[in-house]
């Protein structure tokens, strides 16, 4: 079984997509994306400046374009997935890979999602909690969260890699409660994604998503909020909507994949490959051009 995994926003750097832009199939995706998005996303990926690239309104389109460019390379080499999943905004790339969305719709949805999330008011924050089991993180979150200053577990990337998301004062209280138990690493993001603070953007996001045509997927998709493979287009629509404020259940997603699956991180990132290997799965990353050759060997072995 071949599983395509698409990374999300936390995988940015100036120069991203460099080797992909030299491949004709990927170069075509970059060219089309610049026109559809009506922004010089290719130039931002290649040359920055970094402050513009990491801004949410640019970061999500940039990651998505690199994902779709990497997918174009795989398709040109004759590779097709048996199942797909995407991490956070990467879920829209997964829907494109499963033929639920076309290229233009995928990029326009990403552009709207990025704009809405960038425009959310408030001072939310996110932090990765390393080396602390999820139940302990959950207990601490419930202790420091309040109606006025909510905090939630926004992402579960691995059993020992959890991201808390919410009001900045609540994140500070969580830091104090955690003490020396584990490591807390603040994330460089503009707000508290996958938390109740994103509810401000949810209404418009729901209207936009409901207006888009979605086809029945050609392969199963594992949504973030359910971690359950599905080929139901309406389930995927509801999942894309609720994901804005819902938890990314990535560790559960990895457990849904067969132990003998070959995974490919389809984008210019190594983050998901690391999580997959931690879950005992074999995983290649398209951040390394040699992975295309290695994949050919893996699928014929």
C-alpha atoms as a PDB file:
ATOM      1  CA  UNK A   1       0.000   0.000   0.000  1.00  0.00           C
ATOM      2  CA  UNK A   2       1.213   3.485  -0.896  1.00  0.00           C
ATOM      3  CA  UNK A   3       0.159   6.361   1.401  1.00  0.00           C
ATOM      4  CA  UNK A   4       0.664  10.008   0.407  1.00  0.00           C
ATOM      5  CA  UNK A   5       1.015  12.400   3.369  1.00  0.00           C
ATOM      6  CA  UNK A   6       0.840  16.172   2.830  1.00  0.00           C
ATOM      7  CA  UNK A   7       2.533  18.574   5.290  1.00  0.00           C
ATOM      8  CA  UNK A   8       1.037  21.758   6.725  1.00  0.00           C
ATOM      9  CA  UNK A   9       2.052  25.282   7.614  1.00  0.00           C
ATOM     10  CA  UNK A  10       4.886  24.578  10.036  1.00  0.00           C
ATOM     11  CA  UNK A  11       7.310  23.509   7.312  1.00  0.00           C
ATOM     12  CA  UNK A  12       8.413  26.830   5.820  1.00  0.00           C
ATOM     13  CA  UNK A  13      11.785  28.144   4.770  1.00  0.00           C
ATOM     14  CA  UNK A  14      13.128  30.437   2.075  1.00  0.00           C
ATOM     15  CA  UNK A  15      14.193  28.313  -0.896  1.00  0.00           C
ATOM     16  CA  UNK A  16      11.479  25.718  -0.388  1.00  0.00           C
ATOM     17  CA  UNK A  17      10.527  23.796  -3.509  1.00  0.00           C
ATOM     18  CA  UNK A  18      13.940  24.441  -5.093  1.00  0.00           C
ATOM     19  CA  UNK A  19      14.528  21.099  -6.789  1.00  0.00           C
ATOM     20  CA  UNK A  20      10.855  20.747  -7.626  1.00  0.00           C
ATOM     21  CA  UNK A  21      10.865  23.913  -9.715  1.00  0.00           C
ATOM     22  CA  UNK A  22      13.448  22.280 -11.981  1.00  0.00           C
ATOM     23  CA  UNK A  23      11.043  19.450 -12.850  1.00  0.00           C
ATOM     24  CA  UNK A  24       8.700  20.340 -15.773  1.00  0.00           C
ATOM     25  CA  UNK A  25       5.559  18.913 -14.127  1.00  0.00           C
ATOM     26  CA  UNK A  26       6.199  20.777 -10.875  1.00  0.00           C
ATOM     27  CA  UNK A  27       7.229  23.989 -12.639  1.00  0.00           C
ATOM     28  CA  UNK A  28       3.849  23.977 -14.383  1.00  0.00           C
ATOM     29  CA  UNK A  29       2.074  23.800 -11.018  1.00  0.00           C
ATOM     30  CA  UNK A  30       4.039  26.796  -9.703  1.00  0.00           C
ATOM     31  CA  UNK A  31       3.189  28.773 -12.832  1.00  0.00           C
ATOM     32  CA  UNK A  32      -0.520  27.949 -12.588  1.00  0.00           C
ATOM     33  CA  UNK A  33      -0.561  28.718  -8.859  1.00  0.00           C
ATOM     34  CA  UNK A  34       0.863  32.211  -9.365  1.00  0.00           C
ATOM     35  CA  UNK A  35      -2.000  32.936 -11.765  1.00  0.00           C
ATOM     36  CA  UNK A  36      -4.787  31.344  -9.720  1.00  0.00           C
ATOM     37  CA  UNK A  37      -3.675  32.814  -6.387  1.00  0.00           C
ATOM     38  CA  UNK A  38      -2.901  36.198  -7.956  1.00  0.00           C
ATOM     39  CA  UNK A  39       0.249  36.432  -5.878  1.00  0.00           C
ATOM     40  CA  UNK A  40       3.921  35.700  -6.662  1.00  0.00           C
ATOM     41  CA  UNK A  41       3.982  32.557  -4.563  1.00  0.00           C
ATOM     42  CA  UNK A  42       6.805  31.004  -6.598  1.00  0.00           C
ATOM     43  CA  UNK A  43       9.050  33.989  -5.904  1.00  0.00           C
ATOM     44  CA  UNK A  44       8.143  34.007  -2.206  1.00  0.00           C
ATOM     45  CA  UNK A  45       9.053  30.329  -1.884  1.00  0.00           C
ATOM     46  CA  UNK A  46      12.324  30.812  -3.725  1.00  0.00           C
ATOM     47  CA  UNK A  47      13.545  34.140  -2.356  1.00  0.00           C
ATOM     48  CA  UNK A  48      11.305  35.302   0.477  1.00  0.00           C
ATOM     49  CA  UNK A  49      11.723  37.605   2.321  1.00  0.00           C
ATOM     50  CA  UNK A  50      11.193  35.287   5.239  1.00  0.00           C
ATOM     51  CA  UNK A  51       8.820  37.629   7.123  1.00  0.00           C
ATOM     52  CA  UNK A  52       6.472  37.679   4.136  1.00  0.00           C
ATOM     53  CA  UNK A  53       6.774  33.944   3.543  1.00  0.00           C
ATOM     54  CA  UNK A  54       5.859  32.932   7.104  1.00  0.00           C
ATOM     55  CA  UNK A  55       2.893  35.310   7.337  1.00  0.00           C
ATOM     56  CA  UNK A  56      -0.206  33.092   7.508  1.00  0.00           C
ATOM     57  CA  UNK A  57      -1.815  34.587   4.401  1.00  0.00           C
ATOM     58  CA  UNK A  58       1.269  33.511   2.386  1.00  0.00           C
ATOM     59  CA  UNK A  59       2.466  30.508   4.403  1.00  0.00           C
ATOM     60  CA  UNK A  60      -0.509  28.265   3.743  1.00  0.00           C
ATOM     61  CA  UNK A  61      -0.542  28.876  -0.047  1.00  0.00           C
ATOM     62  CA  UNK A  62       3.248  28.402  -0.161  1.00  0.00           C
ATOM     63  CA  UNK A  63       3.132  25.020   1.560  1.00  0.00           C
ATOM     64  CA  UNK A  64       0.201  23.926  -0.568  1.00  0.00           C
ATOM     65  CA  UNK A  65       1.862  24.851  -3.854  1.00  0.00           C
ATOM     66  CA  UNK A  66       4.984  22.882  -2.884  1.00  0.00           C
ATOM     67  CA  UNK A  67       2.769  19.929  -1.933  1.00  0.00           C
ATOM     68  CA  UNK A  68       0.943  19.988  -5.257  1.00  0.00           C
ATOM     69  CA  UNK A  69       4.183  20.434  -7.180  1.00  0.00           C
ATOM     70  CA  UNK A  70       5.636  17.366  -5.441  1.00  0.00           C
ATOM     71  CA  UNK A  71       2.461  15.450  -6.250  1.00  0.00           C
ATOM     72  CA  UNK A  72       2.835  16.432  -9.908  1.00  0.00           C
ATOM     73  CA  UNK A  73       6.321  14.903  -9.919  1.00  0.00           C
ATOM     74  CA  UNK A  74       5.019  11.649  -8.443  1.00  0.00           C
ATOM     75  CA  UNK A  75       2.206  11.513 -10.972  1.00  0.00           C
ATOM     76  CA  UNK A  76       4.640  12.160 -13.818  1.00  0.00           C
ATOM     77  CA  UNK A  77       6.683   9.192 -12.566  1.00  0.00           C
ATOM     78  CA  UNK A  78       3.596   6.976 -12.591  1.00  0.00           C
ATOM     79  CA  UNK A  79       2.948   6.813  -8.824  1.00  0.00           C
ATOM     80  CA  UNK A  80      -0.586   6.924  -7.418  1.00  0.00           C
ATOM     81  CA  UNK A  81      -1.642   6.568  -3.774  1.00  0.00           C
ATOM     82  CA  UNK A  82      -3.886   3.956  -2.210  1.00  0.00           C
ATOM     83  CA  UNK A  83      -4.758   6.299   0.674  1.00  0.00           C
ATOM     84  CA  UNK A  84      -4.039   9.953   1.491  1.00  0.00           C
ATOM     85  CA  UNK A  85      -3.960  12.288   4.481  1.00  0.00           C
ATOM     86  CA  UNK A  86      -2.874  15.861   5.057  1.00  0.00           C
ATOM     87  CA  UNK A  87      -1.691  17.625   8.196  1.00  0.00           C
ATOM     88  CA  UNK A  88      -3.795  20.730   8.990  1.00  0.00           C
ATOM     89  CA  UNK A  89      -3.904  22.844   5.797  1.00  0.00           C
ATOM     90  CA  UNK A  90      -2.250  19.872   4.073  1.00  0.00           C
ATOM     91  CA  UNK A  91      -5.658  18.197   4.170  1.00  0.00           C
ATOM     92  CA  UNK A  92      -6.707  20.327   1.188  1.00  0.00           C
ATOM     93  CA  UNK A  93      -3.717  18.957  -0.742  1.00  0.00           C
ATOM     94  CA  UNK A  94      -4.880  15.457   0.168  1.00  0.00           C
ATOM     95  CA  UNK A  95      -8.348  16.199  -1.206  1.00  0.00           C
ATOM     96  CA  UNK A  96      -6.765  17.306  -4.467  1.00  0.00           C
ATOM     97  CA  UNK A  97      -4.677  14.127  -4.576  1.00  0.00           C
ATOM     98  CA  UNK A  98      -7.859  12.069  -4.139  1.00  0.00           C
ATOM     99  CA  UNK A  99      -9.562  14.031  -6.965  1.00  0.00           C
ATOM    100  CA  UNK A 100     -12.141  15.520  -4.582  1.00  0.00           C
ATOM    101  CA  UNK A 101     -11.066  19.026  -5.630  1.00  0.00           C
ATOM    102  CA  UNK A 102      -9.553  20.384  -8.816  1.00  0.00           C
ATOM    103  CA  UNK A 103      -6.414  22.520  -8.793  1.00  0.00           C
ATOM    104  CA  UNK A 104      -8.125  25.905  -8.975  1.00  0.00           C
ATOM    105  CA  UNK A 105     -10.622  25.074  -6.219  1.00  0.00           C
ATOM    106  CA  UNK A 106      -7.881  23.720  -3.963  1.00  0.00           C
ATOM    107  CA  UNK A 107      -5.779  26.853  -4.273  1.00  0.00           C
ATOM    108  CA  UNK A 108      -8.719  29.206  -3.855  1.00  0.00           C
ATOM    109  CA  UNK A 109      -9.848  27.402  -0.719  1.00  0.00           C
ATOM    110  CA  UNK A 110      -6.334  27.629   0.688  1.00  0.00           C
ATOM    111  CA  UNK A 111      -6.213  31.336  -0.093  1.00  0.00           C
ATOM    112  CA  UNK A 112      -9.532  31.945   1.696  1.00  0.00           C
ATOM    113  CA  UNK A 113      -8.559  29.766   4.670  1.00  0.00           C
ATOM    114  CA  UNK A 114      -5.253  31.595   5.046  1.00  0.00           C
ATOM    115  CA  UNK A 115      -6.899  35.008   4.845  1.00  0.00           C
ATOM    116  CA  UNK A 116      -9.587  34.173   7.384  1.00  0.00           C
ATOM    117  CA  UNK A 117      -7.136  32.713   9.868  1.00  0.00           C
ATOM    118  CA  UNK A 118      -4.769  35.663   9.456  1.00  0.00           C
ATOM    119  CA  UNK A 119      -7.612  38.107  10.107  1.00  0.00           C
ATOM    120  CA  UNK A 120      -8.787  36.529  13.368  1.00  0.00           C
ATOM    121  CA  UNK A 121      -8.479  39.057  16.175  1.00  0.00           C
ATOM    122  CA  UNK A 122      -7.053  38.316  19.590  1.00  0.00           C
ATOM    123  CA  UNK A 123      -3.685  37.171  20.825  1.00  0.00           C
ATOM    124  CA  UNK A 124      -3.645  33.430  20.564  1.00  0.00           C
ATOM    125  CA  UNK A 125      -0.531  31.287  20.842  1.00  0.00           C
ATOM    126  CA  UNK A 126       0.599  27.712  20.250  1.00  0.00           C
ATOM    127  CA  UNK A 127       3.346  25.627  21.821  1.00  0.00           C
ATOM    128  CA  UNK A 128       4.644  22.117  21.246  1.00  0.00           C
ATOM    129  CA  UNK A 129       4.848  19.907  24.324  1.00  0.00           C
ATOM    130  CA  UNK A 130       7.578  17.313  23.985  1.00  0.00           C
ATOM    131  CA  UNK A 131       8.105  14.224  26.105  1.00  0.00           C
ATOM    132  CA  UNK A 132       4.810  14.419  28.023  1.00  0.00           C
ATOM    133  CA  UNK A 133       2.015  11.846  27.491  1.00  0.00           C
ATOM    134  CA  UNK A 134      -1.267  13.144  26.079  1.00  0.00           C
ATOM    135  CA  UNK A 135      -3.377  12.329  29.179  1.00  0.00           C
ATOM    136  CA  UNK A 136      -1.068  14.438  31.353  1.00  0.00           C
ATOM    137  CA  UNK A 137      -1.118  17.302  28.852  1.00  0.00           C
ATOM    138  CA  UNK A 138      -4.916  17.107  28.705  1.00  0.00           C
ATOM    139  CA  UNK A 139      -5.218  17.290  32.496  1.00  0.00           C
ATOM    140  CA  UNK A 140      -2.988  20.357  32.678  1.00  0.00           C
ATOM    141  CA  UNK A 141      -4.872  22.030  29.832  1.00  0.00           C
ATOM    142  CA  UNK A 142      -8.177  21.546  31.635  1.00  0.00           C
ATOM    143  CA  UNK A 143      -6.670  23.003  34.798  1.00  0.00           C
ATOM    144  CA  UNK A 144      -5.438  26.257  33.235  1.00  0.00           C
ATOM    145  CA  UNK A 145      -8.170  26.844  30.632  1.00  0.00           C
ATOM    146  CA  UNK A 146     -11.131  29.158  31.238  1.00  0.00           C
ATOM    147  CA  UNK A 147     -14.102  30.445  29.252  1.00  0.00           C
ATOM    148  CA  UNK A 148     -12.446  33.839  28.860  1.00  0.00           C
ATOM    149  CA  UNK A 149      -8.991  32.427  28.113  1.00  0.00           C
ATOM    150  CA  UNK A 150      -9.453  28.982  26.557  1.00  0.00           C
ATOM    151  CA  UNK A 151      -6.719  26.449  25.939  1.00  0.00           C
ATOM    152  CA  UNK A 152      -7.027  23.146  24.120  1.00  0.00           C
ATOM    153  CA  UNK A 153      -4.942  20.337  22.691  1.00  0.00           C
ATOM    154  CA  UNK A 154      -4.855  21.476  19.073  1.00  0.00           C
ATOM    155  CA  UNK A 155      -2.678  18.779  17.531  1.00  0.00           C
ATOM    156  CA  UNK A 156      -1.506  15.331  18.550  1.00  0.00           C
ATOM    157  CA  UNK A 157       1.394  14.661  16.191  1.00  0.00           C
ATOM    158  CA  UNK A 158       2.851  11.697  18.080  1.00  0.00           C
ATOM    159  CA  UNK A 159       2.370  10.136  21.527  1.00  0.00           C
ATOM    160  CA  UNK A 160       5.075  12.421  22.922  1.00  0.00           C
ATOM    161  CA  UNK A 161       4.560  15.431  20.612  1.00  0.00           C
ATOM    162  CA  UNK A 162       1.424  17.410  21.437  1.00  0.00           C
ATOM    163  CA  UNK A 163       0.597  21.027  20.557  1.00  0.00           C
ATOM    164  CA  UNK A 164      -1.481  23.199  22.877  1.00  0.00           C
ATOM    165  CA  UNK A 165      -3.364  26.117  21.373  1.00  0.00           C
ATOM    166  CA  UNK A 166      -5.375  28.975  22.808  1.00  0.00           C
ATOM    167  CA  UNK A 167      -5.215  32.310  24.582  1.00  0.00           C
ATOM    168  CA  UNK A 168      -1.654  33.471  25.226  1.00  0.00           C
ATOM    169  CA  UNK A 169      -2.188  33.912  29.010  1.00  0.00           C
ATOM    170  CA  UNK A 170      -3.486  30.335  29.202  1.00  0.00           C
ATOM    171  CA  UNK A 171      -0.391  29.089  27.372  1.00  0.00           C
ATOM    172  CA  UNK A 172       1.717  30.934  29.955  1.00  0.00           C
ATOM    173  CA  UNK A 173      -0.220  29.289  32.787  1.00  0.00           C
ATOM    174  CA  UNK A 174       0.299  25.933  31.124  1.00  0.00           C
ATOM    175  CA  UNK A 175       4.046  26.597  30.937  1.00  0.00           C
ATOM    176  CA  UNK A 176       4.159  27.333  34.664  1.00  0.00           C
ATOM    177  CA  UNK A 177       2.108  24.235  35.526  1.00  0.00           C
ATOM    178  CA  UNK A 178       4.276  22.007  33.327  1.00  0.00           C
ATOM    179  CA  UNK A 179       7.422  23.035  35.149  1.00  0.00           C
ATOM    180  CA  UNK A 180      10.368  20.747  34.413  1.00  0.00           C
ATOM    181  CA  UNK A 181       8.165  17.781  33.480  1.00  0.00           C
ATOM    182  CA  UNK A 182       8.747  18.178  29.741  1.00  0.00           C
ATOM    183  CA  UNK A 183       9.911  20.607  27.096  1.00  0.00           C
ATOM    184  CA  UNK A 184       7.692  23.413  25.823  1.00  0.00           C
ATOM    185  CA  UNK A 185       8.585  24.990  22.469  1.00  0.00           C
ATOM    186  CA  UNK A 186       6.585  28.062  21.346  1.00  0.00           C
ATOM    187  CA  UNK A 187       5.490  27.939  17.701  1.00  0.00           C
ATOM    188  CA  UNK A 188       5.991  30.914  15.384  1.00  0.00           C
ATOM    189  CA  UNK A 189       2.388  31.349  14.286  1.00  0.00           C
ATOM    190  CA  UNK A 190       0.074  34.348  14.134  1.00  0.00           C
ATOM    191  CA  UNK A 191      -2.684  32.922  16.320  1.00  0.00           C
ATOM    192  CA  UNK A 192      -4.116  29.840  18.028  1.00  0.00           C
ATOM    193  CA  UNK A 193      -5.017  27.510  15.162  1.00  0.00           C
ATOM    194  CA  UNK A 194      -7.224  24.455  15.810  1.00  0.00           C
ATOM    195  CA  UNK A 195      -8.658  26.087  18.901  1.00  0.00           C
ATOM    196  CA  UNK A 196     -11.882  27.864  19.932  1.00  0.00           C
ATOM    197  CA  UNK A 197     -10.234  31.181  19.040  1.00  0.00           C
ATOM    198  CA  UNK A 198     -10.678  30.300  15.355  1.00  0.00           C
ATOM    199  CA  UNK A 199     -14.480  30.303  15.794  1.00  0.00           C
ATOM    200  CA  UNK A 200     -14.479  33.917  14.613  1.00  0.00           C
ATOM    201  CA  UNK A 201     -13.559  32.685  11.113  1.00  0.00           C
ATOM    202  CA  UNK A 202     -15.726  29.574  11.126  1.00  0.00           C
ATOM    203  CA  UNK A 203     -18.932  31.066   9.760  1.00  0.00           C
ATOM    204  CA  UNK A 204     -17.435  32.469   6.564  1.00  0.00           C
ATOM    205  CA  UNK A 205     -15.223  29.397   6.119  1.00  0.00           C
ATOM    206  CA  UNK A 206     -18.266  27.127   6.329  1.00  0.00           C
ATOM    207  CA  UNK A 207     -20.149  29.183   3.735  1.00  0.00           C
ATOM    208  CA  UNK A 208     -17.200  29.079   1.333  1.00  0.00           C
ATOM    209  CA  UNK A 209     -16.604  25.335   1.721  1.00  0.00           C
ATOM    210  CA  UNK A 210     -20.292  24.503   1.267  1.00  0.00           C
ATOM    211  CA  UNK A 211     -20.296  26.470  -2.000  1.00  0.00           C
ATOM    212  CA  UNK A 212     -17.519  24.354  -3.528  1.00  0.00           C
ATOM    213  CA  UNK A 213     -18.156  21.224  -5.588  1.00  0.00           C
ATOM    214  CA  UNK A 214     -16.611  18.096  -4.075  1.00  0.00           C
ATOM    215  CA  UNK A 215     -16.349  14.832  -5.971  1.00  0.00           C
ATOM    216  CA  UNK A 216     -16.324  11.327  -4.500  1.00  0.00           C
ATOM    217  CA  UNK A 217     -12.665  10.543  -3.694  1.00  0.00           C
ATOM    218  CA  UNK A 218     -10.900   7.996  -5.859  1.00  0.00           C
ATOM    219  CA  UNK A 219      -9.000   6.690  -2.806  1.00  0.00           C
ATOM    220  CA  UNK A 220      -9.754   6.853   0.932  1.00  0.00           C
ATOM    221  CA  UNK A 221      -8.901  10.091   2.734  1.00  0.00           C
ATOM    222  CA  UNK A 222      -8.143  10.202   6.477  1.00  0.00           C
ATOM    223  CA  UNK A 223      -9.523  13.501   7.866  1.00  0.00           C
ATOM    224  CA  UNK A 224      -7.695  15.187  10.738  1.00  0.00           C
ATOM    225  CA  UNK A 225     -10.712  15.512  13.018  1.00  0.00           C
ATOM    226  CA  UNK A 226     -11.843  11.865  12.797  1.00  0.00           C
ATOM    227  CA  UNK A 227      -8.655   9.927  11.901  1.00  0.00           C
ATOM    228  CA  UNK A 228     -10.995   7.487  10.147  1.00  0.00           C
ATOM    229  CA  UNK A 229     -10.543   6.717   6.423  1.00  0.00           C
ATOM    230  CA  UNK A 230     -13.545   7.651   4.285  1.00  0.00           C
ATOM    231  CA  UNK A 231     -14.648   7.896   0.677  1.00  0.00           C
ATOM    232  CA  UNK A 232     -17.730   9.974   1.509  1.00  0.00           C
ATOM    233  CA  UNK A 233     -17.426  13.460  -0.011  1.00  0.00           C
ATOM    234  CA  UNK A 234     -19.889  14.982   2.457  1.00  0.00           C
ATOM    235  CA  UNK A 235     -17.999  13.586   5.434  1.00  0.00           C
ATOM    236  CA  UNK A 236     -14.874  15.180   3.991  1.00  0.00           C
ATOM    237  CA  UNK A 237     -16.680  18.495   3.531  1.00  0.00           C
ATOM    238  CA  UNK A 238     -17.804  18.521   7.171  1.00  0.00           C
ATOM    239  CA  UNK A 239     -14.307  17.541   8.296  1.00  0.00           C
ATOM    240  CA  UNK A 240     -12.673  20.382   6.356  1.00  0.00           C
ATOM    241  CA  UNK A 241     -15.081  22.825   7.995  1.00  0.00           C
ATOM    242  CA  UNK A 242     -14.701  21.586  11.572  1.00  0.00           C
ATOM    243  CA  UNK A 243     -10.933  21.195  11.254  1.00  0.00           C
ATOM    244  CA  UNK A 244     -10.541  24.960  11.621  1.00  0.00           C
ATOM    245  CA  UNK A 245     -11.370  24.710  15.325  1.00  0.00           C
ATOM    246  CA  UNK A 246     -10.914  20.947  15.755  1.00  0.00           C
ATOM    247  CA  UNK A 247      -8.030  18.755  16.807  1.00  0.00           C
ATOM    248  CA  UNK A 248      -5.511  17.358  14.328  1.00  0.00           C
ATOM    249  CA  UNK A 249      -5.379  13.663  15.282  1.00  0.00           C
ATOM    250  CA  UNK A 250      -2.191  12.859  13.401  1.00  0.00           C
ATOM    251  CA  UNK A 251      -0.897  10.133  15.717  1.00  0.00           C
ATOM    252  CA  UNK A 252      -4.224   8.302  15.298  1.00  0.00           C
ATOM    253  CA  UNK A 253      -4.008   8.803  11.536  1.00  0.00           C
ATOM    254  CA  UNK A 254      -0.629   7.042  11.488  1.00  0.00           C
ATOM    255  CA  UNK A 255      -2.118   4.141  13.438  1.00  0.00           C
ATOM    256  CA  UNK A 256      -4.825   3.776  10.773  1.00  0.00           C
ATOM    257  CA  UNK A 257      -2.244   2.976   8.104  1.00  0.00           C
ATOM    258  CA  UNK A 258      -1.210  -0.649   7.577  1.00  0.00           C
ATOM    259  CA  UNK A 259       2.098  -1.582   9.163  1.00  0.00           C
ATOM    260  CA  UNK A 260       3.484  -2.594   5.749  1.00  0.00           C
ATOM    261  CA  UNK A 261       2.486   0.676   4.044  1.00  0.00           C
ATOM    262  CA  UNK A 262       5.087   2.755   2.237  1.00  0.00           C
ATOM    263  CA  UNK A 263       4.473   6.406   3.083  1.00  0.00           C
ATOM    264  CA  UNK A 264       5.619   9.418   1.100  1.00  0.00           C
ATOM    265  CA  UNK A 265       5.667  12.932   2.524  1.00  0.00           C
ATOM    266  CA  UNK A 266       4.522  14.832  -0.548  1.00  0.00           C
ATOM    267  CA  UNK A 267       6.011  18.295  -0.187  1.00  0.00           C
ATOM    268  CA  UNK A 268       9.261  20.001   0.724  1.00  0.00           C
ATOM    269  CA  UNK A 269       9.293  18.876   4.350  1.00  0.00           C
ATOM    270  CA  UNK A 270      10.568  16.053   6.550  1.00  0.00           C
ATOM    271  CA  UNK A 271       8.261  16.574   9.548  1.00  0.00           C
ATOM    272  CA  UNK A 272       5.620  13.991   8.668  1.00  0.00           C
ATOM    273  CA  UNK A 273       8.237  11.453   7.626  1.00  0.00           C
ATOM    274  CA  UNK A 274       9.675  11.728  11.116  1.00  0.00           C
ATOM    275  CA  UNK A 275       6.286  11.200  12.760  1.00  0.00           C
ATOM    276  CA  UNK A 276       5.578   8.232  10.483  1.00  0.00           C
ATOM    277  CA  UNK A 277       8.901   6.576  11.253  1.00  0.00           C
ATOM    278  CA  UNK A 278       8.254   7.126  14.946  1.00  0.00           C
ATOM    279  CA  UNK A 279       5.033   5.174  14.458  1.00  0.00           C
ATOM    280  CA  UNK A 280       6.981   2.295  12.908  1.00  0.00           C
ATOM    281  CA  UNK A 281       6.137   3.076   9.277  1.00  0.00           C
ATOM    282  CA  UNK A 282       8.493   3.271   6.327  1.00  0.00           C
ATOM    283  CA  UNK A 283       8.384   6.822   4.964  1.00  0.00           C
ATOM    284  CA  UNK A 284      10.218   8.820   2.289  1.00  0.00           C
ATOM    285  CA  UNK A 285      10.221  12.599   1.906  1.00  0.00           C
ATOM    286  CA  UNK A 286      10.047  14.469  -1.395  1.00  0.00           C
ATOM    287  CA  UNK A 287      12.270  17.132   0.150  1.00  0.00           C
ATOM    288  CA  UNK A 288      15.029  14.795  -1.077  1.00  0.00           C
ATOM    289  CA  UNK A 289      14.951  14.356  -4.884  1.00  0.00           C
ATOM    290  CA  UNK A 290      16.567  10.928  -4.498  1.00  0.00           C
ATOM    291  CA  UNK A 291      13.329   9.763  -2.865  1.00  0.00           C
ATOM    292  CA  UNK A 292      11.707   9.518  -6.297  1.00  0.00           C
ATOM    293  CA  UNK A 293      14.254   6.867  -7.251  1.00  0.00           C
ATOM    294  CA  UNK A 294      13.973   5.152  -3.870  1.00  0.00           C
ATOM    295  CA  UNK A 295      10.185   5.055  -4.191  1.00  0.00           C
ATOM    296  CA  UNK A 296      10.454   3.320  -7.558  1.00  0.00           C
ATOM    297  CA  UNK A 297      12.549   0.637  -5.894  1.00  0.00           C
ATOM    298  CA  UNK A 298      10.193   0.348  -2.920  1.00  0.00           C
ATOM    299  CA  UNK A 299       7.041  -0.195  -4.976  1.00  0.00           C
ATOM    300  CA  UNK A 300       8.683  -2.851  -7.151  1.00  0.00           C
ATOM    301  CA  UNK A 301      10.308  -4.739  -4.268  1.00  0.00           C
END
